[in-house]
Amino acid sequence: FPSPADDFMDEAIDLHRLLVRNPAATFLYRADGWSMLGVGI
C-alpha cells in the first residue's frame, strides 16, 4: 500500500549513463526464450 507522504521528487537520472558505463564496448541484445526467468529475464 503506497504512502501519501511520498509525493515528491528527489533527483533526476540519465538512463543512458545508468545503463551504459562504457559506450564504445556496450551492445544490446534482445532475449529470446524463458530459460532465465528465475533471474528476472
PDB file of all heavy atoms in Angstrom:
ATOM      1  N   PHE A   1       0.838  -1.193   0.000  1.00  0.00           N
ATOM      2  CA  PHE A   1       0.000   0.000   0.000  1.00  0.00           C
ATOM      3  C   PHE A   1       0.877   1.248   0.000  1.00  0.00           C
ATOM      4  O   PHE A   1       1.765   1.392   0.830  1.00  0.00           O
ATOM      5  CB  PHE A   1      -0.910  -0.020   1.235  1.00  0.00           C
ATOM      6  CG  PHE A   1      -1.910   1.092   1.243  1.00  0.00           C
ATOM      7  CD1 PHE A   1      -2.999   1.059   0.391  1.00  0.00           C
ATOM      8  CD2 PHE A   1      -1.745   2.170   2.083  1.00  0.00           C
ATOM      9  CE1 PHE A   1      -3.916   2.084   0.393  1.00  0.00           C
ATOM     10  CE2 PHE A   1      -2.654   3.203   2.087  1.00  0.00           C
ATOM     11  CZ  PHE A   1      -3.755   3.164   1.238  1.00  0.00           C
ATOM     12  N   PRO A   2       0.678   2.205  -0.949  1.00  0.00           N
ATOM     13  CA  PRO A   2       1.527   3.394  -1.019  1.00  0.00           C
ATOM     14  C   PRO A   2       1.240   4.401   0.103  1.00  0.00           C
ATOM     15  O   PRO A   2       0.127   4.478   0.600  1.00  0.00           O
ATOM     16  CB  PRO A   2       1.164   3.997  -2.379  1.00  0.00           C
ATOM     17  CG  PRO A   2      -0.208   3.506  -2.654  1.00  0.00           C
ATOM     18  CD  PRO A   2      -0.331   2.163  -1.998  1.00  0.00           C
ATOM     19  N   SER A   3       2.261   5.155   0.468  1.00  0.00           N
ATOM     20  CA  SER A   3       2.129   6.190   1.478  1.00  0.00           C
ATOM     21  C   SER A   3       1.942   7.543   0.794  1.00  0.00           C
ATOM     22  O   SER A   3       2.728   7.915  -0.075  1.00  0.00           O
ATOM     23  CB  SER A   3       3.393   6.243   2.343  1.00  0.00           C
ATOM     24  OG  SER A   3       3.396   7.417   3.124  1.00  0.00           O
ATOM     25  N   PRO A   4       0.915   8.336   1.176  1.00  0.00           N
ATOM     26  CA  PRO A   4       0.721   9.657   0.561  1.00  0.00           C
ATOM     27  C   PRO A   4       1.832  10.643   0.905  1.00  0.00           C
ATOM     28  O   PRO A   4       1.981  11.667   0.260  1.00  0.00           O
ATOM     29  CB  PRO A   4      -0.622  10.122   1.115  1.00  0.00           C
ATOM     30  CG  PRO A   4      -0.961   9.218   2.232  1.00  0.00           C
ATOM     31  CD  PRO A   4      -0.126   7.994   2.103  1.00  0.00           C
ATOM     32  N   ALA A   5       2.673  10.346   1.895  1.00  0.00           N
ATOM     33  CA  ALA A   5       3.771  11.232   2.273  1.00  0.00           C
ATOM     34  C   ALA A   5       4.918  11.197   1.279  1.00  0.00           C
ATOM     35  O   ALA A   5       5.846  11.994   1.355  1.00  0.00           O
ATOM     36  CB  ALA A   5       4.286  10.858   3.659  1.00  0.00           C
ATOM     37  N   ASP A   6       4.873  10.299   0.307  1.00  0.00           N
ATOM     38  CA  ASP A   6       5.983  10.122  -0.629  1.00  0.00           C
ATOM     39  C   ASP A   6       5.747  10.825  -1.964  1.00  0.00           C
ATOM     40  O   ASP A   6       6.240  10.390  -2.995  1.00  0.00           O
ATOM     41  CB  ASP A   6       6.221   8.631  -0.876  1.00  0.00           C
ATOM     42  CG  ASP A   6       6.688   7.918   0.374  1.00  0.00           C
ATOM     43  OD1 ASP A   6       7.309   8.584   1.223  1.00  0.00           O
ATOM     44  OD2 ASP A   6       6.437   6.718   0.497  1.00  0.00           O
ATOM     45  N   ASP A   7       5.001  11.922  -1.970  1.00  0.00           N
ATOM     46  CA  ASP A   7       4.645  12.604  -3.222  1.00  0.00           C
ATOM     47  C   ASP A   7       5.635  13.714  -3.583  1.00  0.00           C
ATOM     48  O   ASP A   7       5.247  14.858  -3.797  1.00  0.00           O
ATOM     49  CB  ASP A   7       3.233  13.197  -3.123  1.00  0.00           C
ATOM     50  CG  ASP A   7       2.170  12.136  -3.051  1.00  0.00           C
ATOM     51  OD1 ASP A   7       2.459  11.002  -3.480  1.00  0.00           O
ATOM     52  OD2 ASP A   7       1.070  12.444  -2.585  1.00  0.00           O
ATOM     53  N   PHE A   8       6.927  13.417  -3.636  1.00  0.00           N
ATOM     54  CA  PHE A   8       7.898  14.424  -4.054  1.00  0.00           C
ATOM     55  C   PHE A   8       9.000  13.763  -4.867  1.00  0.00           C
ATOM     56  O   PHE A   8       9.221  12.567  -4.780  1.00  0.00           O
ATOM     57  CB  PHE A   8       8.493  15.160  -2.841  1.00  0.00           C
ATOM     58  CG  PHE A   8       9.301  14.271  -1.928  1.00  0.00           C
ATOM     59  CD1 PHE A   8      10.671  14.151  -2.098  1.00  0.00           C
ATOM     60  CD2 PHE A   8       8.693  13.560  -0.912  1.00  0.00           C
ATOM     61  CE1 PHE A   8      11.420  13.332  -1.276  1.00  0.00           C
ATOM     62  CE2 PHE A   8       9.439  12.733  -0.079  1.00  0.00           C
ATOM     63  CZ  PHE A   8      10.803  12.623  -0.259  1.00  0.00           C
ATOM     64  N   MET A   9       9.674  14.575  -5.674  1.00  0.00           N
ATOM     65  CA  MET A   9      10.781  14.094  -6.488  1.00  0.00           C
ATOM     66  C   MET A   9      12.088  14.538  -5.842  1.00  0.00           C
ATOM     67  O   MET A   9      12.194  15.653  -5.351  1.00  0.00           O
ATOM     68  CB  MET A   9      10.696  14.639  -7.913  1.00  0.00           C
ATOM     69  CG  MET A   9       9.503  14.160  -8.683  1.00  0.00           C
ATOM     70  SD  MET A   9       9.576  12.387  -8.911  1.00  0.00           S
ATOM     71  CE  MET A   9       7.850  12.002  -8.896  1.00  0.00           C
ATOM     72  N   ASP A  10      13.086  13.682  -5.873  1.00  0.00           N
ATOM     73  CA  ASP A  10      14.340  13.941  -5.183  1.00  0.00           C
ATOM     74  C   ASP A  10      15.458  14.366  -6.125  1.00  0.00           C
ATOM     75  O   ASP A  10      16.178  15.302  -5.851  1.00  0.00           O
ATOM     76  CB  ASP A  10      14.746  12.678  -4.418  1.00  0.00           C
ATOM     77  CG  ASP A  10      15.876  12.922  -3.441  1.00  0.00           C
ATOM     78  OD1 ASP A  10      15.995  14.056  -2.950  1.00  0.00           O
ATOM     79  OD2 ASP A  10      16.633  11.977  -3.175  1.00  0.00           O
ATOM     80  N   GLU A  11      15.631  13.665  -7.249  1.00  0.00           N
ATOM     81  CA  GLU A  11      16.721  13.938  -8.171  1.00  0.00           C
ATOM     82  C   GLU A  11      16.322  13.465  -9.558  1.00  0.00           C
ATOM     83  O   GLU A  11      15.203  13.041  -9.765  1.00  0.00           O
ATOM     84  CB  GLU A  11      18.010  13.266  -7.704  1.00  0.00           C
ATOM     85  CG  GLU A  11      17.899  11.752  -7.603  1.00  0.00           C
ATOM     86  CD  GLU A  11      19.180  11.089  -7.132  1.00  0.00           C
ATOM     87  OE1 GLU A  11      20.149  11.111  -7.911  1.00  0.00           O
ATOM     88  OE2 GLU A  11      19.198  10.547  -6.023  1.00  0.00           O
ATOM     89  N   ALA A  12      17.255  13.524 -10.499  1.00  0.00           N
ATOM     90  CA  ALA A  12      16.997  13.046 -11.855  1.00  0.00           C
ATOM     91  C   ALA A  12      18.115  12.092 -12.266  1.00  0.00           C
ATOM     92  O   ALA A  12      19.240  12.200 -11.798  1.00  0.00           O
ATOM     93  CB  ALA A  12      16.927  14.218 -12.830  1.00  0.00           C
ATOM     94  N   ILE A  13      17.777  11.157 -13.144  1.00  0.00           N
ATOM     95  CA  ILE A  13      18.730  10.148 -13.608  1.00  0.00           C
ATOM     96  C   ILE A  13      18.742  10.153 -15.128  1.00  0.00           C
ATOM     97  O   ILE A  13      17.699  10.221 -15.767  1.00  0.00           O
ATOM     98  CB  ILE A  13      18.320   8.739 -13.126  1.00  0.00           C
ATOM     99  CG1 ILE A  13      18.487   8.623 -11.616  1.00  0.00           C
ATOM    100  CG2 ILE A  13      19.125   7.667 -13.822  1.00  0.00           C
ATOM    101  CD1 ILE A  13      18.066   7.276 -11.075  1.00  0.00           C
ATOM    102  N   ASP A  14      19.937  10.078 -15.704  1.00  0.00           N
ATOM    103  CA  ASP A  14      20.090   9.864 -17.140  1.00  0.00           C
ATOM    104  C   ASP A  14      20.174   8.348 -17.322  1.00  0.00           C
ATOM    105  O   ASP A  14      21.156   7.717 -16.928  1.00  0.00           O
ATOM    106  CB  ASP A  14      21.365  10.548 -17.636  1.00  0.00           C
ATOM    107  CG  ASP A  14      21.641  10.309 -19.109  1.00  0.00           C
ATOM    108  OD1 ASP A  14      20.924   9.505 -19.744  1.00  0.00           O
ATOM    109  OD2 ASP A  14      22.587  10.926 -19.629  1.00  0.00           O
ATOM    110  N   LEU A  15      19.134   7.738 -17.886  1.00  0.00           N
ATOM    111  CA  LEU A  15      19.100   6.286 -18.019  1.00  0.00           C
ATOM    112  C   LEU A  15      20.247   5.758 -18.873  1.00  0.00           C
ATOM    113  O   LEU A  15      20.759   4.664 -18.630  1.00  0.00           O
ATOM    114  CB  LEU A  15      17.755   5.845 -18.600  1.00  0.00           C
ATOM    115  CG  LEU A  15      16.564   6.059 -17.679  1.00  0.00           C
ATOM    116  CD1 LEU A  15      15.273   5.696 -18.392  1.00  0.00           C
ATOM    117  CD2 LEU A  15      16.720   5.250 -16.403  1.00  0.00           C
ATOM    118  N   HIS A  16      20.667   6.525 -19.870  1.00  0.00           N
ATOM    119  CA  HIS A  16      21.789   6.093 -20.708  1.00  0.00           C
ATOM    120  C   HIS A  16      23.051   5.953 -19.860  1.00  0.00           C
ATOM    121  O   HIS A  16      23.752   4.960 -19.927  1.00  0.00           O
ATOM    122  CB  HIS A  16      22.009   7.082 -21.853  1.00  0.00           C
ATOM    123  CG  HIS A  16      23.041   6.638 -22.824  1.00  0.00           C
ATOM    124  ND1 HIS A  16      24.365   6.987 -22.699  1.00  0.00           N
ATOM    125  CD2 HIS A  16      22.957   5.858 -23.921  1.00  0.00           C
ATOM    126  CE1 HIS A  16      25.061   6.441 -23.683  1.00  0.00           C
ATOM    127  NE2 HIS A  16      24.220   5.762 -24.444  1.00  0.00           N
ATOM    128  N   ARG A  17      23.325   6.954 -19.027  1.00  0.00           N
ATOM    129  CA  ARG A  17      24.524   6.888 -18.174  1.00  0.00           C
ATOM    130  C   ARG A  17      24.406   5.795 -17.113  1.00  0.00           C
ATOM    131  O   ARG A  17      25.395   5.216 -16.707  1.00  0.00           O
ATOM    132  CB  ARG A  17      24.792   8.233 -17.518  1.00  0.00           C
ATOM    133  CG  ARG A  17      25.232   9.283 -18.504  1.00  0.00           C
ATOM    134  CD  ARG A  17      25.631  10.567 -17.786  1.00  0.00           C
ATOM    135  NE  ARG A  17      25.703  11.666 -18.703  1.00  0.00           N
ATOM    136  CZ  ARG A  17      26.764  11.968 -19.434  1.00  0.00           C
ATOM    137  NH1 ARG A  17      27.843  11.225 -19.330  1.00  0.00           N
ATOM    138  NH2 ARG A  17      26.756  12.988 -20.248  1.00  0.00           N
ATOM    139  N   LEU A  18      23.195   5.518 -16.663  1.00  0.00           N
ATOM    140  CA  LEU A  18      22.989   4.471 -15.675  1.00  0.00           C
ATOM    141  C   LEU A  18      23.262   3.089 -16.256  1.00  0.00           C
ATOM    142  O   LEU A  18      23.899   2.248 -15.626  1.00  0.00           O
ATOM    143  CB  LEU A  18      21.546   4.528 -15.154  1.00  0.00           C
ATOM    144  CG  LEU A  18      21.142   3.446 -14.151  1.00  0.00           C
ATOM    145  CD1 LEU A  18      21.875   3.661 -12.827  1.00  0.00           C
ATOM    146  CD2 LEU A  18      19.647   3.454 -13.946  1.00  0.00           C
ATOM    147  N   LEU A  19      22.824   2.846 -17.487  1.00  0.00           N
ATOM    148  CA  LEU A  19      22.924   1.519 -18.093  1.00  0.00           C
ATOM    149  C   LEU A  19      24.174   1.319 -18.937  1.00  0.00           C
ATOM    150  O   LEU A  19      24.603   0.197 -19.141  1.00  0.00           O
ATOM    151  CB  LEU A  19      21.690   1.248 -18.952  1.00  0.00           C
ATOM    152  CG  LEU A  19      20.380   1.131 -18.190  1.00  0.00           C
ATOM    153  CD1 LEU A  19      19.212   1.103 -19.143  1.00  0.00           C
ATOM    154  CD2 LEU A  19      20.392  -0.109 -17.309  1.00  0.00           C
ATOM    155  N   VAL A  20      24.741   2.394 -19.475  1.00  0.00           N
ATOM    156  CA  VAL A  20      25.881   2.279 -20.387  1.00  0.00           C
ATOM    157  C   VAL A  20      27.102   2.905 -19.729  1.00  0.00           C
ATOM    158  O   VAL A  20      27.273   4.115 -19.727  1.00  0.00           O
ATOM    159  CB  VAL A  20      25.567   2.950 -21.746  1.00  0.00           C
ATOM    160  CG1 VAL A  20      26.752   2.823 -22.686  1.00  0.00           C
ATOM    161  CG2 VAL A  20      24.318   2.347 -22.360  1.00  0.00           C
ATOM    162  N   ARG A  21      27.971   2.045 -19.179  1.00  0.00           N
ATOM    163  CA  ARG A  21      29.157   2.528 -18.480  1.00  0.00           C
ATOM    164  C   ARG A  21      30.310   2.807 -19.437  1.00  0.00           C
ATOM    165  O   ARG A  21      31.107   3.695 -19.226  1.00  0.00           O
ATOM    166  CB  ARG A  21      29.574   1.512 -17.435  1.00  0.00           C
ATOM    167  CG  ARG A  21      28.507   1.324 -16.374  1.00  0.00           C
ATOM    168  CD  ARG A  21      28.875   0.202 -15.421  1.00  0.00           C
ATOM    169  NE  ARG A  21      27.764  -0.025 -14.509  1.00  0.00           N
ATOM    170  CZ  ARG A  21      27.117  -1.172 -14.425  1.00  0.00           C
ATOM    171  NH1 ARG A  21      27.474  -2.199 -15.165  1.00  0.00           N
ATOM    172  NH2 ARG A  21      26.129  -1.312 -13.578  1.00  0.00           N
ATOM    173  N   ASN A  22      30.418   2.015 -20.494  1.00  0.00           N
ATOM    174  CA  ASN A  22      31.489   2.167 -21.473  1.00  0.00           C
ATOM    175  C   ASN A  22      30.850   2.104 -22.863  1.00  0.00           C
ATOM    176  O   ASN A  22      30.721   1.027 -23.445  1.00  0.00           O
ATOM    177  CB  ASN A  22      32.521   1.051 -21.295  1.00  0.00           C
ATOM    178  CG  ASN A  22      33.695   1.195 -22.225  1.00  0.00           C
ATOM    179  OD1 ASN A  22      33.676   1.978 -23.175  1.00  0.00           O
ATOM    180  ND2 ASN A  22      34.729   0.416 -21.971  1.00  0.00           N
ATOM    181  N   PRO A  23      30.434   3.249 -23.408  1.00  0.00           N
ATOM    182  CA  PRO A  23      29.671   3.265 -24.658  1.00  0.00           C
ATOM    183  C   PRO A  23      30.334   2.524 -25.820  1.00  0.00           C
ATOM    184  O   PRO A  23      29.656   1.817 -26.557  1.00  0.00           O
ATOM    185  CB  PRO A  23      29.521   4.750 -24.979  1.00  0.00           C
ATOM    186  CG  PRO A  23      29.637   5.428 -23.662  1.00  0.00           C
ATOM    187  CD  PRO A  23      30.616   4.600 -22.867  1.00  0.00           C
ATOM    188  N   ALA A  24      31.644   2.642 -25.960  1.00  0.00           N
ATOM    189  CA  ALA A  24      32.316   2.006 -27.094  1.00  0.00           C
ATOM    190  C   ALA A  24      32.286   0.477 -27.009  1.00  0.00           C
ATOM    191  O   ALA A  24      32.418  -0.203 -28.021  1.00  0.00           O
ATOM    192  CB  ALA A  24      33.762   2.490 -27.185  1.00  0.00           C
ATOM    193  N   ALA A  25      32.087  -0.077 -25.816  1.00  0.00           N
ATOM    194  CA  ALA A  25      32.109  -1.528 -25.633  1.00  0.00           C
ATOM    195  C   ALA A  25      30.729  -2.100 -25.302  1.00  0.00           C
ATOM    196  O   ALA A  25      30.605  -3.269 -24.982  1.00  0.00           O
ATOM    197  CB  ALA A  25      33.084  -1.889 -24.521  1.00  0.00           C
ATOM    198  N   THR A  26      29.691  -1.274 -25.381  1.00  0.00           N
ATOM    199  CA  THR A  26      28.357  -1.703 -24.975  1.00  0.00           C
ATOM    200  C   THR A  26      27.500  -2.066 -26.174  1.00  0.00           C
ATOM    201  O   THR A  26      27.437  -1.326 -27.151  1.00  0.00           O
ATOM    202  CB  THR A  26      27.668  -0.602 -24.150  1.00  0.00           C
ATOM    203  OG1 THR A  26      28.477  -0.330 -23.000  1.00  0.00           O
ATOM    204  CG2 THR A  26      26.289  -1.028 -23.694  1.00  0.00           C
ATOM    205  N   PHE A  27      26.861  -3.222 -26.075  1.00  0.00           N
ATOM    206  CA  PHE A  27      25.957  -3.709 -27.114  1.00  0.00           C
ATOM    207  C   PHE A  27      24.658  -4.134 -26.470  1.00  0.00           C
ATOM    208  O   PHE A  27      24.622  -4.490 -25.295  1.00  0.00           O
ATOM    209  CB  PHE A  27      26.582  -4.888 -27.867  1.00  0.00           C
ATOM    210  CG  PHE A  27      27.742  -4.477 -28.716  1.00  0.00           C
ATOM    211  CD1 PHE A  27      29.011  -4.355 -28.163  1.00  0.00           C
ATOM    212  CD2 PHE A  27      27.574  -4.185 -30.051  1.00  0.00           C
ATOM    213  CE1 PHE A  27      30.087  -3.951 -28.928  1.00  0.00           C
ATOM    214  CE2 PHE A  27      28.638  -3.786 -30.826  1.00  0.00           C
ATOM    215  CZ  PHE A  27      29.898  -3.664 -30.273  1.00  0.00           C
ATOM    216  N   LEU A  28      23.601  -4.121 -27.250  1.00  0.00           N
ATOM    217  CA  LEU A  28      22.292  -4.528 -26.771  1.00  0.00           C
ATOM    218  C   LEU A  28      21.871  -5.810 -27.467  1.00  0.00           C
ATOM    219  O   LEU A  28      22.075  -5.971 -28.667  1.00  0.00           O
ATOM    220  CB  LEU A  28      21.261  -3.425 -27.056  1.00  0.00           C
ATOM    221  CG  LEU A  28      21.596  -2.046 -26.496  1.00  0.00           C
ATOM    222  CD1 LEU A  28      20.582  -1.027 -26.973  1.00  0.00           C
ATOM    223  CD2 LEU A  28      21.674  -2.075 -24.986  1.00  0.00           C
ATOM    224  N   TYR A  29      21.317  -6.723 -26.704  1.00  0.00           N
ATOM    225  CA  TYR A  29      20.792  -7.975 -27.232  1.00  0.00           C
ATOM    226  C   TYR A  29      19.342  -8.104 -26.784  1.00  0.00           C
ATOM    227  O   TYR A  29      18.993  -7.661 -25.689  1.00  0.00           O
ATOM    228  CB  TYR A  29      21.576  -9.176 -26.686  1.00  0.00           C
ATOM    229  CG  TYR A  29      22.971  -9.324 -27.220  1.00  0.00           C
ATOM    230  CD1 TYR A  29      24.023  -8.578 -26.711  1.00  0.00           C
ATOM    231  CD2 TYR A  29      23.247 -10.239 -28.228  1.00  0.00           C
ATOM    232  CE1 TYR A  29      25.311  -8.725 -27.201  1.00  0.00           C
ATOM    233  CE2 TYR A  29      24.538 -10.393 -28.719  1.00  0.00           C
ATOM    234  CZ  TYR A  29      25.560  -9.625 -28.196  1.00  0.00           C
ATOM    235  OH  TYR A  29      26.837  -9.776 -28.676  1.00  0.00           O
ATOM    236  N   ARG A  30      18.503  -8.717 -27.603  1.00  0.00           N
ATOM    237  CA  ARG A  30      17.121  -8.993 -27.198  1.00  0.00           C
ATOM    238  C   ARG A  30      17.032 -10.466 -26.789  1.00  0.00           C
ATOM    239  O   ARG A  30      17.416 -11.349 -27.535  1.00  0.00           O
ATOM    240  CB  ARG A  30      16.140  -8.705 -28.322  1.00  0.00           C
ATOM    241  CG  ARG A  30      14.692  -8.849 -27.852  1.00  0.00           C
ATOM    242  CD  ARG A  30      13.683  -8.436 -28.896  1.00  0.00           C
ATOM    243  NE  ARG A  30      13.820  -7.080 -29.367  1.00  0.00           N
ATOM    244  CZ  ARG A  30      13.325  -5.999 -28.753  1.00  0.00           C
ATOM    245  NH1 ARG A  30      12.682  -6.134 -27.612  1.00  0.00           N
ATOM    246  NH2 ARG A  30      13.469  -4.804 -29.294  1.00  0.00           N
ATOM    247  N   ALA A  31      16.517 -10.706 -25.581  1.00  0.00           N
ATOM    248  CA  ALA A  31      16.364 -12.075 -25.080  1.00  0.00           C
ATOM    249  C   ALA A  31      15.267 -12.788 -25.854  1.00  0.00           C
ATOM    250  O   ALA A  31      14.258 -12.195 -26.225  1.00  0.00           O
ATOM    251  CB  ALA A  31      16.031 -12.050 -23.591  1.00  0.00           C
ATOM    252  N   ASP A  32      15.484 -14.075 -26.088  1.00  0.00           N
ATOM    253  CA  ASP A  32      14.536 -14.899 -26.824  1.00  0.00           C
ATOM    254  C   ASP A  32      14.394 -16.223 -26.091  1.00  0.00           C
ATOM    255  O   ASP A  32      15.276 -17.072 -26.174  1.00  0.00           O
ATOM    256  CB  ASP A  32      15.040 -15.109 -28.256  1.00  0.00           C
ATOM    257  CG  ASP A  32      14.131 -15.992 -29.078  1.00  0.00           C
ATOM    258  OD1 ASP A  32      12.933 -16.078 -28.763  1.00  0.00           O
ATOM    259  OD2 ASP A  32      14.633 -16.604 -30.040  1.00  0.00           O
ATOM    260  N   GLY A  33      13.324 -16.387 -25.335  1.00  0.00           N
ATOM    261  CA  GLY A  33      13.105 -17.627 -24.604  1.00  0.00           C
ATOM    262  C   GLY A  33      12.848 -17.366 -23.125  1.00  0.00           C
ATOM    263  O   GLY A  33      12.795 -16.216 -22.680  1.00  0.00           O
ATOM    264  N   TRP A  34      12.686 -18.454 -22.370  1.00  0.00           N
ATOM    265  CA  TRP A  34      12.283 -18.351 -20.973  1.00  0.00           C
ATOM    266  C   TRP A  34      13.243 -19.039 -20.015  1.00  0.00           C
ATOM    267  O   TRP A  34      12.916 -19.233 -18.848  1.00  0.00           O
ATOM    268  CB  TRP A  34      10.882 -18.933 -20.824  1.00  0.00           C
ATOM    269  CG  TRP A  34       9.889 -18.136 -21.606  1.00  0.00           C
ATOM    270  CD1 TRP A  34       9.393 -18.439 -22.841  1.00  0.00           C
ATOM    271  CD2 TRP A  34       9.329 -16.890 -21.237  1.00  0.00           C
ATOM    272  NE1 TRP A  34       8.541 -17.450 -23.265  1.00  0.00           N
ATOM    273  CE2 TRP A  34       8.476 -16.481 -22.293  1.00  0.00           C
ATOM    274  CE3 TRP A  34       9.449 -16.062 -20.126  1.00  0.00           C
ATOM    275  CZ2 TRP A  34       7.755 -15.293 -22.264  1.00  0.00           C
ATOM    276  CZ3 TRP A  34       8.724 -14.884 -20.102  1.00  0.00           C
ATOM    277  CH2 TRP A  34       7.892 -14.513 -21.152  1.00  0.00           C
ATOM    278  N   SER A  35      14.444 -19.386 -20.439  1.00  0.00           N
ATOM    279  CA  SER A  35      15.339 -20.130 -19.559  1.00  0.00           C
ATOM    280  C   SER A  35      15.944 -19.284 -18.445  1.00  0.00           C
ATOM    281  O   SER A  35      16.525 -19.820 -17.512  1.00  0.00           O
ATOM    282  CB  SER A  35      16.453 -20.802 -20.359  1.00  0.00           C
ATOM    283  OG  SER A  35      17.377 -19.856 -20.821  1.00  0.00           O
ATOM    284  N   MET A  36      15.805 -17.963 -18.502  1.00  0.00           N
ATOM    285  CA  MET A  36      16.404 -17.106 -17.476  1.00  0.00           C
ATOM    286  C   MET A  36      15.353 -16.404 -16.614  1.00  0.00           C
ATOM    287  O   MET A  36      15.628 -15.420 -15.931  1.00  0.00           O
ATOM    288  CB  MET A  36      17.335 -16.074 -18.140  1.00  0.00           C
ATOM    289  CG  MET A  36      18.476 -16.713 -18.908  1.00  0.00           C
ATOM    290  SD  MET A  36      19.436 -17.912 -17.955  1.00  0.00           S
ATOM    291  CE  MET A  36      20.235 -16.859 -16.776  1.00  0.00           C
ATOM    292  N   LEU A  37      14.161 -16.930 -16.617  1.00  0.00           N
ATOM    293  CA  LEU A  37      13.045 -16.338 -15.879  1.00  0.00           C
ATOM    294  C   LEU A  37      13.349 -16.216 -14.386  1.00  0.00           C
ATOM    295  O   LEU A  37      12.957 -15.252 -13.739  1.00  0.00           O
ATOM    296  CB  LEU A  37      11.786 -17.168 -16.107  1.00  0.00           C
ATOM    297  CG  LEU A  37      10.463 -16.536 -15.708  1.00  0.00           C
ATOM    298  CD1 LEU A  37      10.270 -15.197 -16.416  1.00  0.00           C
ATOM    299  CD2 LEU A  37       9.326 -17.473 -16.033  1.00  0.00           C
ATOM    300  N   GLY A  38      14.083 -17.162 -13.830  1.00  0.00           N
ATOM    301  CA  GLY A  38      14.413 -17.159 -12.408  1.00  0.00           C
ATOM    302  C   GLY A  38      15.278 -15.993 -11.954  1.00  0.00           C
ATOM    303  O   GLY A  38      15.351 -15.699 -10.767  1.00  0.00           O
ATOM    304  N   VAL A  39      15.953 -15.318 -12.894  1.00  0.00           N
ATOM    305  CA  VAL A  39      16.731 -14.125 -12.549  1.00  0.00           C
ATOM    306  C   VAL A  39      16.065 -12.868 -13.097  1.00  0.00           C
ATOM    307  O   VAL A  39      16.684 -11.817 -13.186  1.00  0.00           O
ATOM    308  CB  VAL A  39      18.211 -14.218 -13.012  1.00  0.00           C
ATOM    309  CG1 VAL A  39      18.953 -15.280 -12.240  1.00  0.00           C
ATOM    310  CG2 VAL A  39      18.322 -14.431 -14.503  1.00  0.00           C
ATOM    311  N   GLY A  40      14.791 -13.007 -13.471  1.00  0.00           N
ATOM    312  CA  GLY A  40      14.019 -11.840 -13.884  1.00  0.00           C
ATOM    313  C   GLY A  40      14.144 -11.453 -15.338  1.00  0.00           C
ATOM    314  O   GLY A  40      13.756 -10.347 -15.713  1.00  0.00           O
ATOM    315  N   ILE A  41      14.682 -12.325 -16.188  1.00  0.00           N
ATOM    316  CA  ILE A  41      14.793 -12.005 -17.614  1.00  0.00           C
ATOM    317  C   ILE A  41      13.697 -12.754 -18.360  1.00  0.00           C
ATOM    318  O   ILE A  41      13.602 -13.973 -18.284  1.00  0.00           O
ATOM    319  CB  ILE A  41      16.175 -12.376 -18.167  1.00  0.00           C
ATOM    320  CG1 ILE A  41      17.245 -11.536 -17.474  1.00  0.00           C
ATOM    321  CG2 ILE A  41      16.221 -12.170 -19.679  1.00  0.00           C
ATOM    322  CD1 ILE A  41      18.654 -11.871 -17.876  1.00  0.00           C
TER     323      ILE A  41
END
